[in-house]
Amino acid sequence: MGIGRTFPFAQQIAVGTLIGFVVSGERRQFPKQHELFLMLALWVIFGLSTIFALEPEAAYDRLVQISKILLMVFVSTALINTEERLRQLMRVIALSLGFHALKQASSQSRPVAISCLGP
């Protein structure tokens, strides 16, 4: 077991992104799209349903997790505001998927006995 299994990579990337978002001198504006307003309304509904939940502790934990995801979605929509930035994001996603596919394929190169038991 290496450090890669327990290190909070997503948290580190999110913190760096948020710091860059705040510190950068570039003027950013959230796009005014219906979908973003609907996601914001959904976030408010999640908050209200957490207040009235039957198990508030579990609901609060889930709200915190969902809030982190939605926060990064909103920040991403403000950061990716040109076609070139969208293309760069797509390249990074494609290269990441390709890297993980190659890594998985290389670990699968040794023969593995697989048995399929059916009904």
Foldseek 3Di string as FASTA:
>chain_A
DDCVVPDPPVVVVLVVLVVCLVPDPDDWDFDPDPVLVVVVVVLVVLVVCLVVDPDNVVSVVVNVVVVSVNVVVRSVNRVQDDPVSVVVVVVVVVVVVVVVVVVVVVVPPDDDDDDDDDD
